[in-house]
Amino acid sequence: MDRPFRLPLLLLLLFALPFLSEGVLAQEAGPFDLILQGGQVLDGTGNPDFRADVGVRDGRIVAIGNLEGHSAARVVDVSGHVVAPGFIDIHSHADGRLLHDDPRYRAAPSLIAQGITTVVINQDGRSPWPIRDQVSALREVGQAPNTIVLVGHGQVRRMAMADDVARVATPEEVEQIRALVREGMEDGAWGISSALEYNPGRWADTEEVVQAVGEVASGGGIYVAHQRSEGSDPMWYWPSQDEPGPPDLIDAVLETIEIAERTGVPSVASHLKAKGSHYWGTSHTVIQLIETARRRGVPIYGDHYPYETTGSDGNTVLIPGWAFAHGRELVGGGEVSNGDAIEAALNDDTVADDLRGDVAHEIRRRGGPDRLLILSHPDEALVGLSVEELAEEWTLDPVDVAFRLQLDGDRNRRGGAHVRGFSLHEMDFEAYAPHDWMLTASDGGIAVPEDGFVHVRFYGTFPRKIGHYARDEGLISVPYAVRSATSLPAQVLGLRDRGQVREGFHADLVVFHPEELEDRTTFFDPHQFPGGLPHVLVGGTFVVEDGEITGALPGRVLTPSEDRQLPHIP
């Protein structure tokens, strides 16, 4: 008699596991603290969305699926909305305000309202010291977002070289820099940042930076680079004052690639640009360099924000600093207004031509006269006009408009007016965005309305990239845009259990409406929260609920010993 056919027990269990796991998990996890019910989950990997409930308990995601009939302390209906991982801002200037006495700042309203749940701080080579004191202070007072800290290369360079930083470091000083970086990593830093366009970093040679960055490799650290230049020349360069041939963006990117290749440390070329009206389009060369390096295994990445203007407060001064100093010398120093100083410099035939040439250079570097916008001026009739429009109205060369703004405006203010330059072009952002190594990052800080003019990136970076460029323009897909803000930065950082909507991961979550998500901030009225983003959770706690800041401070300081996945996967 033939025996009935039976599947092997192991094969049967494997076949049944997907059907058993949801029920087993739900039984073990229930009752939940929270169920987000009825949403479309974008898990952060770049995969399409799927319909699922998300169950949260003890600050973690414990179930994803059909949770109908399961009990929870609270159920929130998110039907019609997307549930995504909280955004990880790999280049943030939240820094000092996370320790502010005023809890409004520690609630980080401008950041969490756009969906940011983790910030990476101590950027551009700046950090307090020692790092352990910063970590301790952050833990003591509490913040809304999670925080990751870096060692500032500029900070340790000053400590090793005192005030004598305008030169290449000696071998002994490089050893001191390396020792300080090691100390910072032992104290809880996640890597190192630099600002090679600014003092004191601009004086460091590549070898010094390689040695400093190399010290974070054994701990799985990262390197975040404000590079030596973001256009045809660095911001410190003035044609009349400096030697020709300063580093340009191409030189800077090649250096960052070299540092990443020699150290093996995942390296992020921050806020990638192509700055200046004469330099637009150079993104294509940058992309070629990075793609070529990645094909040979170099762990190089980039980040960017989706706007055509730079500068935190937009205070573009078209007149070089040396001219103010020279003018003060001519009138004997002391209490001299900036207007008086420039008037004196213009009357000095020995420097007047140089001054005009440098102002013309800065106008071009800032995007051209048609892209220089007056935000404030004692004469309110000028507000909202461009330098080009003023040149036509006043029948002046744009260079002379810059001088007239100083002389007829606020003579105590450098430049005489608040001017914002739109020195970037959308063509370059659009070129960078589709690449799988490009992260979204705000380069922004914490702001409240009393702060006056701030860059719109403080409020709108992530909603703009997802809502405008992905959904409306179709530049990339919405899942891909979400990936660039979630699992990709988590991968670069080596975060163990954040950056995805996944069982066992921390419940850092964003809920947004796929058709209504938008940035509402403007340059004249920047303090506007995004639309279509009702809920943000950090560790399962609502920091934004029904579009309102809750004031909760559940964020943690993340440290490599507790939160990093080793080894890093490039």
Protein backbone atom coordinates (compact mmCIF):
# COMPACT_ATOMS: atom_id res chain seq x y z
CA MET A 1 0.00 0.00 0.00
CA ASP A 2 1.44 3.35 -1.05
CA ARG A 3 2.22 5.84 1.73
CA PRO A 4 0.52 9.30 1.39
CA PHE A 5 2.73 12.08 0.13
CA ARG A 6 3.96 14.39 2.91
CA LEU A 7 6.08 17.52 2.66
CA PRO A 8 9.24 17.32 4.74
CA LEU A 9 8.63 19.00 8.11
CA LEU A 10 11.32 21.67 7.57
CA LEU A 11 9.91 22.58 4.15
CA LEU A 12 6.42 22.76 5.62
CA LEU A 13 7.58 25.10 8.38
CA LEU A 14 9.37 27.33 5.90
CA PHE A 15 6.24 27.50 3.75
CA ALA A 16 4.04 28.32 6.74
CA LEU A 17 6.37 30.83 8.41
CA PRO A 18 5.15 33.96 6.52
CA PHE A 19 1.58 33.11 7.47
CA LEU A 20 2.40 32.30 11.09
CA SER A 21 4.78 35.14 11.83
CA GLU A 22 2.20 37.96 11.77
CA GLY A 23 -0.08 36.19 14.22
CA VAL A 24 2.75 35.09 16.49
CA LEU A 25 4.34 38.55 16.46
CA ALA A 26 1.04 40.29 17.09
CA GLN A 27 0.29 37.98 20.02
CA GLU A 28 3.72 38.55 21.53
CA ALA A 29 3.66 42.29 20.92
CA GLY A 30 0.10 43.10 21.96
CA PRO A 31 -1.25 45.13 23.45
CA PHE A 32 0.53 47.86 21.55
CA ASP A 33 1.29 51.34 22.82
CA LEU A 34 0.28 52.72 19.43
CA ILE A 35 -1.09 51.53 16.14
CA LEU A 36 -0.80 53.74 13.05
CA GLN A 37 -3.73 52.30 11.16
CA GLY A 38 -4.53 52.24 7.49
CA GLY A 39 -1.49 53.97 6.00
CA GLN A 40 0.67 53.27 2.98
CA VAL A 41 4.14 52.26 4.21
CA LEU A 42 7.22 53.52 2.41
CA ASP A 43 9.84 51.47 4.21
CA GLY A 44 12.79 53.72 3.25
CA THR A 45 14.61 51.24 1.03
CA GLY A 46 13.34 52.77 -2.21
CA ASN A 47 10.75 50.02 -2.71
CA PRO A 48 7.15 50.95 -3.58
CA ASP A 49 4.65 51.60 -0.82
CA PHE A 50 2.29 48.95 0.56
CA ARG A 51 -0.83 49.04 2.70
CA ALA A 52 -0.11 48.10 6.34
CA ASP A 53 -0.74 49.04 9.93
CA VAL A 54 2.31 49.79 12.09
CA GLY A 55 2.35 48.67 15.72
CA VAL A 56 4.64 50.37 18.23
CA ARG A 57 5.62 49.23 21.70
CA ASP A 58 8.34 50.54 24.02
CA GLY A 59 9.57 52.94 21.36
CA ARG A 60 10.10 50.32 18.67
CA ILE A 61 8.21 49.02 15.67
CA VAL A 62 7.02 45.55 16.69
CA ALA A 63 4.49 44.70 13.98
CA ILE A 64 3.76 45.67 10.37
CA GLY A 65 0.71 44.23 8.67
CA ASN A 66 -3.00 43.82 9.24
CA LEU A 67 -3.45 44.57 12.95
CA GLU A 68 -7.22 44.77 12.90
CA GLY A 69 -8.67 43.41 16.12
CA HIS A 70 -5.49 43.89 18.13
CA SER A 71 -5.58 46.13 21.17
CA ALA A 72 -3.51 49.27 21.66
CA ALA A 73 -3.39 52.09 24.15
CA ARG A 74 -3.95 54.36 21.20
CA VAL A 75 -4.97 53.92 17.58
CA VAL A 76 -4.36 56.74 15.08
CA ASP A 77 -6.09 56.55 11.71
CA VAL A 78 -3.54 57.50 9.03
CA SER A 79 -5.50 56.25 6.03
CA GLY A 80 -4.73 58.27 2.94
CA HIS A 81 -1.28 59.05 4.33
CA VAL A 82 2.22 57.64 3.93
CA VAL A 83 4.10 56.21 6.91
CA ALA A 84 7.86 56.58 6.35
CA PRO A 85 11.01 56.45 8.46
CA GLY A 86 12.00 59.68 10.18
CA PHE A 87 14.44 61.75 8.15
CA ILE A 88 18.13 61.64 9.07
CA ASP A 89 19.84 65.00 8.47
CA ILE A 90 23.49 64.15 7.92
CA HIS A 91 24.54 67.83 7.75
CA SER A 92 22.79 69.87 10.44
CA HIS A 93 23.62 73.08 12.26
CA ALA A 94 21.26 72.42 15.17
CA ASP A 95 24.32 72.46 17.48
CA GLY A 96 24.18 75.13 20.19
CA ARG A 97 20.42 75.53 20.23
CA LEU A 98 19.95 71.91 21.24
CA LEU A 99 21.45 73.06 24.57
CA HIS A 100 19.51 76.33 24.76
CA ASP A 101 17.90 77.34 28.06
CA ASP A 102 14.64 77.92 26.19
CA PRO A 103 12.96 74.52 25.64
CA ARG A 104 11.35 75.87 22.44
CA TYR A 105 14.73 75.58 20.78
CA ARG A 106 15.43 72.12 22.17
CA ALA A 107 12.09 71.07 20.66
CA ALA A 108 13.72 71.97 17.30
CA PRO A 109 10.44 73.11 15.68
CA SER A 110 11.83 74.06 12.27
CA LEU A 111 13.51 70.66 11.94
CA ILE A 112 11.00 68.19 13.34
CA ALA A 113 8.10 69.89 11.55
CA GLN A 114 9.71 68.86 8.26
CA GLY A 115 10.16 65.29 9.45
CA ILE A 116 13.74 65.29 10.75
CA THR A 117 14.12 62.84 13.63
CA THR A 118 17.94 62.56 13.78
CA VAL A 119 20.52 65.31 13.29
CA VAL A 120 24.27 65.00 12.76
CA ILE A 121 25.92 68.05 14.33
CA ASN A 122 29.36 69.68 14.81
CA GLN A 123 29.68 70.34 11.09
CA ASP A 124 32.19 72.43 9.14
CA GLY A 125 35.09 71.55 11.41
CA ARG A 126 33.50 73.10 14.49
CA SER A 127 32.86 71.28 17.74
CA PRO A 128 33.03 72.03 21.43
CA TRP A 129 35.64 70.29 23.53
CA PRO A 130 35.80 67.84 25.13
CA ILE A 131 33.20 65.84 23.22
CA ARG A 132 32.25 63.91 26.37
CA ASP A 133 31.02 67.15 27.98
CA GLN A 134 28.82 67.90 24.98
CA VAL A 135 27.38 64.39 25.01
CA SER A 136 26.74 64.63 28.75
CA ALA A 137 25.07 68.04 28.46
CA LEU A 138 22.83 66.92 25.60
CA ARG A 139 21.72 63.90 27.59
CA GLU A 140 21.03 66.00 30.65
CA VAL A 141 18.72 68.61 29.12
CA GLY A 142 16.93 66.57 26.44
CA GLN A 143 15.95 67.39 22.84
CA ALA A 144 13.22 66.44 20.39
CA PRO A 145 15.43 64.83 17.72
CA ASN A 146 18.10 62.20 18.17
CA THR A 147 21.60 63.62 17.95
CA ILE A 148 24.88 62.35 16.51
CA VAL A 149 28.06 64.36 17.16
CA LEU A 150 31.25 64.70 15.14
CA VAL A 151 34.76 65.87 16.01
CA GLY A 152 35.52 69.19 14.36
CA HIS A 153 38.82 69.15 12.46
CA GLY A 154 39.10 72.92 12.87
CA GLN A 155 38.67 72.57 16.63
CA VAL A 156 41.43 69.99 17.09
CA ARG A 157 43.68 71.89 14.66
CA ARG A 158 43.46 75.03 16.81
CA MET A 159 44.13 73.01 19.93
CA ALA A 160 47.26 71.49 18.39
CA MET A 161 48.55 74.71 16.79
CA ALA A 162 47.19 77.44 19.12
CA ASP A 163 46.75 80.69 17.19
CA ASP A 164 49.45 79.87 14.63
CA VAL A 165 47.13 78.14 12.15
CA ALA A 166 47.88 79.95 8.88
CA ARG A 167 50.36 77.34 7.74
CA VAL A 168 50.84 73.60 7.21
CA ALA A 169 51.04 71.62 10.45
CA THR A 170 54.32 70.06 11.52
CA PRO A 171 54.56 66.26 11.91
CA GLU A 172 54.43 66.72 15.69
CA GLU A 173 51.28 68.82 15.41
CA VAL A 174 49.68 66.25 13.11
CA GLU A 175 50.30 63.63 15.79
CA GLN A 176 48.55 65.88 18.32
CA ILE A 177 45.61 66.29 15.94
CA ARG A 178 45.37 62.52 15.55
CA ALA A 179 45.45 61.98 19.31
CA LEU A 180 42.66 64.51 19.82
CA VAL A 181 40.52 62.86 17.14
CA ARG A 182 40.99 59.51 18.90
CA GLU A 183 39.95 61.11 22.17
CA GLY A 184 36.81 62.53 20.58
CA MET A 185 35.88 59.14 19.14
CA GLU A 186 36.36 57.49 22.53
CA ASP A 187 34.06 60.14 24.01
CA GLY A 188 31.19 59.22 21.67
CA ALA A 189 31.80 61.02 18.36
CA TRP A 190 30.62 59.33 15.18
CA GLY A 191 33.37 60.68 12.94
CA ILE A 192 34.94 63.94 11.88
CA SER A 193 33.91 67.06 9.95
CA SER A 194 36.01 69.66 8.19
CA ALA A 195 35.70 73.08 6.59
CA LEU A 196 38.62 73.38 4.21
CA GLU A 197 37.24 76.60 2.71
CA TYR A 198 37.34 78.44 6.07
CA ASN A 199 39.86 79.20 8.76
CA PRO A 200 41.64 77.30 10.20
CA GLY A 201 40.98 74.35 7.87
CA ARG A 202 41.95 76.16 4.68
CA TRP A 203 45.60 76.06 5.72
CA ALA A 204 45.70 72.27 6.21
CA ASP A 205 47.25 70.24 3.44
CA THR A 206 45.68 67.02 2.19
CA GLU A 207 48.12 64.85 4.12
CA GLU A 208 47.06 66.39 7.43
CA VAL A 209 43.40 65.75 6.66
CA VAL A 210 44.13 62.17 5.60
CA GLN A 211 45.90 61.57 8.90
CA ALA A 212 43.06 63.10 10.91
CA VAL A 213 40.31 61.26 9.03
CA GLY A 214 42.25 58.00 9.22
CA GLU A 215 41.85 58.03 12.99
CA VAL A 216 38.10 57.40 12.74
CA ALA A 217 38.46 54.35 10.49
CA SER A 218 38.95 51.72 13.19
CA GLY A 219 35.74 52.81 14.93
CA GLY A 220 33.71 52.72 11.71
CA GLY A 221 33.54 56.53 11.61
CA ILE A 222 32.56 58.86 8.80
CA TYR A 223 33.99 62.04 7.30
CA VAL A 224 31.74 64.97 6.39
CA ALA A 225 33.55 67.57 4.29
CA HIS A 226 32.81 71.20 3.61
CA GLN A 227 35.22 71.18 0.71
CA ARG A 228 37.87 73.73 -0.27
CA SER A 229 35.70 75.31 -2.93
CA GLU A 230 32.13 75.13 -4.21
CA GLY A 231 32.58 76.99 -7.47
CA SER A 232 35.39 78.48 -9.55
CA ASP A 233 37.16 79.68 -6.40
CA PRO A 234 36.78 79.66 -2.58
CA MET A 235 34.84 82.34 -0.73
CA TRP A 236 38.06 83.80 0.69
CA TYR A 237 39.42 84.53 -2.78
CA TRP A 238 39.54 88.09 -4.13
CA PRO A 239 41.25 88.62 -7.51
CA SER A 240 42.97 91.82 -6.38
CA GLN A 241 44.37 90.31 -3.18
CA ASP A 242 45.19 86.64 -3.79
CA GLU A 243 47.39 84.64 -6.10
CA PRO A 244 45.70 83.29 -9.24
CA GLY A 245 44.77 79.64 -9.48
CA PRO A 246 42.91 78.96 -6.20
CA PRO A 247 41.25 75.55 -5.84
CA ASP A 248 37.91 75.13 -7.61
CA LEU A 249 35.08 72.65 -7.05
CA ILE A 250 36.74 70.01 -9.24
CA ASP A 251 39.97 70.22 -7.22
CA ALA A 252 37.94 70.00 -4.01
CA VAL A 253 36.00 66.91 -5.06
CA LEU A 254 39.19 65.18 -6.21
CA GLU A 255 40.69 65.86 -2.77
CA THR A 256 37.65 64.41 -0.95
CA ILE A 257 37.84 61.32 -3.16
CA GLU A 258 41.54 60.97 -2.35
CA ILE A 259 40.85 61.22 1.39
CA ALA A 260 38.10 58.59 1.18
CA GLU A 261 40.26 56.28 -0.94
CA ARG A 262 43.37 56.52 1.23
CA THR A 263 41.54 56.10 4.53
CA GLY A 264 38.67 53.81 3.55
CA VAL A 265 36.39 56.07 5.60
CA PRO A 266 32.91 56.75 4.16
CA SER A 267 33.15 60.40 3.11
CA VAL A 268 30.38 62.85 2.29
CA ALA A 269 31.00 65.85 0.03
CA SER A 270 28.62 68.27 1.71
CA HIS A 271 26.02 70.51 0.07
CA LEU A 272 27.34 69.79 -3.41
CA LYS A 273 26.93 72.79 -5.68
CA ALA A 274 28.25 74.53 -8.76
CA LYS A 275 28.42 78.08 -7.48
CA GLY A 276 28.43 81.19 -9.64
CA SER A 277 26.69 82.09 -12.90
CA HIS A 278 29.87 81.30 -14.86
CA TYR A 279 30.17 77.85 -13.22
CA TRP A 280 26.69 76.39 -13.60
CA GLY A 281 26.63 72.95 -15.20
CA THR A 282 29.88 71.78 -13.60
CA SER A 283 27.83 69.23 -11.64
CA HIS A 284 28.21 66.86 -14.60
CA THR A 285 31.98 66.74 -14.15
CA VAL A 286 31.58 66.24 -10.40
CA ILE A 287 29.19 63.36 -11.02
CA GLN A 288 31.63 61.71 -13.44
CA LEU A 289 34.45 61.95 -10.89
CA ILE A 290 32.37 60.48 -8.07
CA GLU A 291 30.87 57.72 -10.22
CA THR A 292 34.32 56.71 -11.46
CA ALA A 293 35.68 56.62 -7.91
CA ARG A 294 32.74 54.56 -6.64
CA ARG A 295 33.21 52.01 -9.41
CA ARG A 296 36.67 51.30 -8.04
CA GLY A 297 35.31 50.92 -4.51
CA VAL A 298 35.83 54.38 -3.00
CA PRO A 299 33.20 55.06 -0.26
CA ILE A 300 32.35 58.56 -1.48
CA TYR A 301 28.90 60.17 -1.19
CA GLY A 302 27.38 63.63 -1.53
CA ASP A 303 24.54 65.57 0.01
CA HIS A 304 22.50 68.57 -1.16
CA TYR A 305 19.49 70.75 -0.42
CA PRO A 306 16.85 71.70 -3.04
CA TYR A 307 17.28 75.46 -3.29
CA GLU A 308 19.21 77.85 -5.54
CA THR A 309 20.64 80.04 -2.79
CA THR A 310 23.22 79.59 -0.06
CA GLY A 311 23.95 81.23 3.29
CA SER A 312 22.06 80.70 6.54
CA ASP A 313 20.71 84.25 6.83
CA GLY A 314 21.18 85.27 3.21
CA ASN A 315 23.27 88.28 4.11
CA THR A 316 25.26 88.60 0.91
CA VAL A 317 27.81 91.42 1.12
CA LEU A 318 29.11 92.31 -2.33
CA ILE A 319 31.93 94.54 -1.05
CA PRO A 320 35.07 92.70 0.14
CA GLY A 321 36.20 92.84 3.73
CA TRP A 322 39.61 94.26 2.83
CA ALA A 323 37.94 97.42 1.51
CA PHE A 324 36.25 98.14 4.85
CA ALA A 325 39.56 97.68 6.65
CA HIS A 326 41.41 99.90 4.16
CA GLY A 327 38.78 102.64 4.41
CA ARG A 328 39.04 102.66 8.19
CA GLU A 329 42.79 103.08 7.98
CA LEU A 330 42.34 106.06 5.65
CA VAL A 331 40.05 107.86 8.09
CA GLY A 332 42.09 107.02 11.14
CA GLY A 333 40.18 104.02 12.49
CA GLY A 334 38.04 104.36 15.57
CA GLU A 335 34.25 104.60 15.43
CA VAL A 336 33.80 104.75 11.68
CA SER A 337 30.65 103.51 9.94
CA ASN A 338 30.93 100.98 7.14
CA GLY A 339 29.51 103.61 4.80
CA ASP A 340 32.25 106.09 5.74
CA ALA A 341 34.92 103.40 5.27
CA ILE A 342 33.75 102.51 1.75
CA GLU A 343 33.37 106.16 0.79
CA ALA A 344 37.00 106.69 1.76
CA ALA A 345 38.14 103.58 -0.12
CA LEU A 346 36.35 104.67 -3.28
CA ASN A 347 38.09 108.05 -3.11
CA ASP A 348 41.50 106.36 -2.98
CA ASP A 349 42.69 106.08 -6.57
CA THR A 350 45.26 103.45 -5.58
CA VAL A 351 42.59 100.88 -4.69
CA ALA A 352 39.42 102.04 -6.47
CA ASP A 353 39.96 99.91 -9.58
CA ASP A 354 40.80 96.84 -7.53
CA LEU A 355 37.71 97.38 -5.42
CA ARG A 356 35.45 97.66 -8.46
CA GLY A 357 36.96 94.51 -9.95
CA ASP A 358 36.40 92.54 -6.75
CA VAL A 359 32.77 93.67 -6.49
CA ALA A 360 32.17 92.63 -10.12
CA HIS A 361 33.71 89.25 -9.28
CA GLU A 362 31.40 88.83 -6.27
CA ILE A 363 28.30 89.76 -8.27
CA ARG A 364 29.13 87.03 -10.77
CA ARG A 365 30.00 84.54 -7.99
CA ARG A 366 26.63 85.25 -6.35
CA GLY A 367 24.65 84.45 -9.49
CA GLY A 368 24.65 87.74 -11.38
CA PRO A 369 22.78 91.04 -10.87
CA ASP A 370 19.41 89.55 -11.81
CA ARG A 371 19.73 86.99 -8.98
CA LEU A 372 20.65 89.39 -6.17
CA LEU A 373 17.45 90.20 -4.26
CA ILE A 374 16.97 93.04 -1.76
CA LEU A 375 15.31 91.59 1.38
CA SER A 376 15.50 94.73 3.53
CA HIS A 377 16.68 98.35 3.14
CA PRO A 378 15.89 101.65 4.89
CA ASP A 379 14.04 102.63 1.71
CA GLU A 380 11.24 100.05 1.66
CA ALA A 381 10.52 100.78 -1.99
CA LEU A 382 13.68 98.82 -2.85
CA VAL A 383 12.60 95.64 -1.07
CA GLY A 384 11.88 92.83 -3.50
CA LEU A 385 13.88 94.35 -6.35
CA SER A 386 17.03 92.84 -7.82
CA VAL A 387 20.35 94.56 -8.34
CA GLU A 388 19.70 94.36 -12.08
CA GLU A 389 16.36 96.15 -11.69
CA LEU A 390 17.99 98.84 -9.58
CA ALA A 391 20.74 99.23 -12.17
CA GLU A 392 18.09 99.88 -14.83
CA GLU A 393 16.10 102.23 -12.59
CA TRP A 394 19.16 104.22 -11.48
CA THR A 395 20.98 103.97 -14.84
CA LEU A 396 24.03 102.56 -13.12
CA ASP A 397 26.40 99.66 -13.58
CA PRO A 398 25.57 96.82 -11.11
CA VAL A 399 28.91 97.48 -9.38
CA ASP A 400 27.84 101.04 -8.68
CA VAL A 401 24.50 99.78 -7.39
CA ALA A 402 26.41 97.81 -4.75
CA PHE A 403 28.19 100.98 -3.65
CA ARG A 404 25.01 103.05 -3.65
CA LEU A 405 23.24 100.48 -1.47
CA GLN A 406 26.06 100.88 1.05
CA LEU A 407 26.26 104.68 0.91
CA ASP A 408 22.52 105.44 0.79
CA GLY A 409 21.36 102.52 2.90
CA ASP A 410 22.21 101.55 6.47
CA ARG A 411 25.72 102.93 6.69
CA ASN A 412 26.45 100.88 9.79
CA ARG A 413 25.58 97.62 8.09
CA ARG A 414 28.08 95.96 5.79
CA GLY A 415 26.57 96.29 2.34
CA GLY A 416 23.94 98.76 3.50
CA ALA A 417 21.06 96.33 2.84
CA HIS A 418 20.09 92.72 3.42
CA VAL A 419 20.73 91.09 0.06
CA ARG A 420 20.28 87.42 -0.82
CA GLY A 421 22.20 85.97 -3.73
CA PHE A 422 20.86 83.06 -5.77
CA SER A 423 24.24 81.73 -6.79
CA LEU A 424 23.14 78.18 -7.67
CA HIS A 425 21.09 76.85 -10.56
CA GLU A 426 18.36 74.24 -10.57
CA MET A 427 20.06 72.42 -13.45
CA ASP A 428 22.80 71.27 -11.09
CA PHE A 429 20.43 70.14 -8.35
CA GLU A 430 18.50 68.18 -10.97
CA ALA A 431 21.71 66.59 -12.23
CA TYR A 432 22.80 65.47 -8.76
CA ALA A 433 19.46 64.22 -7.43
CA PRO A 434 18.95 60.94 -9.35
CA HIS A 435 22.21 59.35 -8.21
CA ASP A 436 22.04 56.61 -5.61
CA TRP A 437 24.91 58.09 -3.58
CA MET A 438 23.24 61.48 -3.11
CA LEU A 439 21.72 62.20 0.31
CA THR A 440 19.27 64.92 1.25
CA ALA A 441 20.55 67.23 4.01
CA SER A 442 19.29 70.59 5.25
CA ASP A 443 22.53 72.41 6.13
CA GLY A 444 20.05 74.24 8.39
CA GLY A 445 19.60 75.02 12.02
CA ILE A 446 16.87 75.49 14.60
CA ALA A 447 14.83 78.65 14.16
CA VAL A 448 11.84 80.43 15.69
CA PRO A 449 10.06 83.51 14.28
CA GLU A 450 12.04 85.97 16.41
CA ASP A 451 15.17 84.97 14.50
CA GLY A 452 14.24 87.06 11.46
CA PHE A 453 15.54 86.07 8.04
CA VAL A 454 16.83 82.52 7.80
CA HIS A 455 17.34 80.25 4.83
CA VAL A 456 14.18 78.41 3.80
CA ARG A 457 16.12 75.15 4.07
CA PHE A 458 15.67 75.50 7.87
CA TYR A 459 11.98 74.64 7.35
CA GLY A 460 11.41 73.08 3.95
CA THR A 461 14.29 70.91 2.70
CA PHE A 462 12.79 67.43 2.96
CA PRO A 463 9.17 68.26 2.03
CA ARG A 464 10.40 70.21 -1.01
CA LYS A 465 12.51 67.39 -2.36
CA ILE A 466 9.76 64.81 -1.87
CA GLY A 467 6.71 66.94 -2.66
CA HIS A 468 8.01 69.20 -5.41
CA TYR A 469 10.92 67.48 -7.12
CA ALA A 470 9.79 63.86 -6.77
CA ARG A 471 5.99 63.99 -6.83
CA ASP A 472 5.33 67.12 -8.94
CA GLU A 473 8.35 67.29 -11.24
CA GLY A 474 9.02 63.56 -11.49
CA LEU A 475 12.75 64.16 -11.20
CA ILE A 476 13.00 61.03 -9.06
CA SER A 477 10.39 58.72 -7.58
CA VAL A 478 8.89 59.45 -4.17
CA PRO A 479 10.26 56.17 -2.72
CA TYR A 480 13.71 57.13 -4.03
CA ALA A 481 13.47 60.60 -2.48
CA VAL A 482 12.48 59.05 0.86
CA ARG A 483 15.43 56.64 0.62
CA SER A 484 17.85 59.56 0.19
CA ALA A 485 16.67 60.89 3.57
CA THR A 486 16.35 57.64 5.52
CA SER A 487 18.01 54.32 4.76
CA LEU A 488 20.83 55.88 2.73
CA PRO A 489 22.13 58.17 5.51
CA ALA A 490 21.55 55.30 7.96
CA GLN A 491 23.73 53.11 5.73
CA VAL A 492 26.47 55.74 5.47
CA LEU A 493 26.46 56.21 9.24
CA GLY A 494 26.21 52.49 9.93
CA LEU A 495 23.11 52.97 12.09
CA ARG A 496 22.00 49.61 13.43
CA ASP A 497 18.23 50.00 13.66
CA ARG A 498 17.02 53.28 12.20
CA GLY A 499 16.20 54.54 8.74
CA GLN A 500 13.59 51.95 7.80
CA VAL A 501 10.02 51.06 8.73
CA ARG A 502 10.98 47.60 9.86
CA GLU A 503 10.09 45.33 12.76
CA GLY A 504 12.58 45.77 15.59
CA PHE A 505 13.66 49.23 14.44
CA HIS A 506 13.19 52.35 16.54
CA ALA A 507 9.85 54.05 15.93
CA ASP A 508 11.27 57.22 14.40
CA LEU A 509 8.44 57.85 11.94
CA VAL A 510 6.96 60.49 9.66
CA VAL A 511 3.35 60.55 8.48
CA PHE A 512 2.63 62.72 5.43
CA HIS A 513 -0.09 63.14 2.85
CA PRO A 514 1.27 62.10 -0.57
CA GLU A 515 -0.59 64.85 -2.47
CA GLU A 516 -0.55 67.66 0.10
CA LEU A 517 3.08 67.56 1.29
CA GLU A 518 4.71 70.89 0.45
CA ASP A 519 7.19 73.41 1.78
CA ARG A 520 5.43 76.70 2.52
CA THR A 521 8.39 78.75 3.63
CA THR A 522 9.43 81.84 1.62
CA PHE A 523 12.48 84.06 1.72
CA PHE A 524 10.46 87.05 2.94
CA ASP A 525 8.48 84.95 5.44
CA PRO A 526 10.62 81.90 6.20
CA HIS A 527 9.08 80.77 9.49
CA GLN A 528 6.35 78.62 7.94
CA PHE A 529 5.89 74.93 8.70
CA PRO A 530 5.30 72.51 5.80
CA GLY A 531 1.85 71.41 4.78
CA GLY A 532 0.62 67.84 4.61
CA LEU A 533 2.83 66.47 7.38
CA PRO A 534 0.61 65.88 10.45
CA HIS A 535 2.68 63.51 12.59
CA VAL A 536 6.32 62.96 13.51
CA LEU A 537 7.44 60.45 16.13
CA VAL A 538 10.82 60.00 17.79
CA GLY A 539 11.17 56.70 19.60
CA GLY A 540 7.41 56.24 19.48
CA THR A 541 6.69 59.64 21.06
CA PHE A 542 4.81 62.30 19.10
CA VAL A 543 6.97 65.41 18.62
CA VAL A 544 4.53 66.69 15.98
CA GLU A 545 0.89 65.72 16.37
CA ASP A 546 -1.90 66.88 14.08
CA GLY A 547 0.52 69.46 12.69
CA GLU A 548 1.36 70.96 16.11
CA ILE A 549 4.69 70.89 17.94
CA THR A 550 4.11 68.90 21.14
CA GLY A 551 7.19 70.12 23.03
CA ALA A 552 8.18 66.53 23.88
CA LEU A 553 11.94 65.91 24.16
CA PRO A 554 12.39 62.15 23.58
CA GLY A 555 15.56 62.32 21.48
CA ARG A 556 18.65 60.32 22.39
CA VAL A 557 22.32 61.01 21.86
CA LEU A 558 23.37 58.16 19.58
CA THR A 559 26.88 56.81 20.08
CA PRO A 560 28.87 54.26 18.09
CA SER A 561 29.19 51.87 21.03
CA GLU A 562 25.41 51.61 21.38
CA ASP A 563 23.97 52.39 17.96
CA ARG A 564 26.43 51.60 15.19
CA GLN A 565 26.36 48.49 13.07
CA LEU A 566 29.87 47.22 12.30
CA PRO A 567 31.36 46.74 9.86
CA HIS A 568 30.20 49.63 7.71
CA ILE A 569 28.58 48.58 4.43
CA PRO A 570 29.65 51.08 1.71
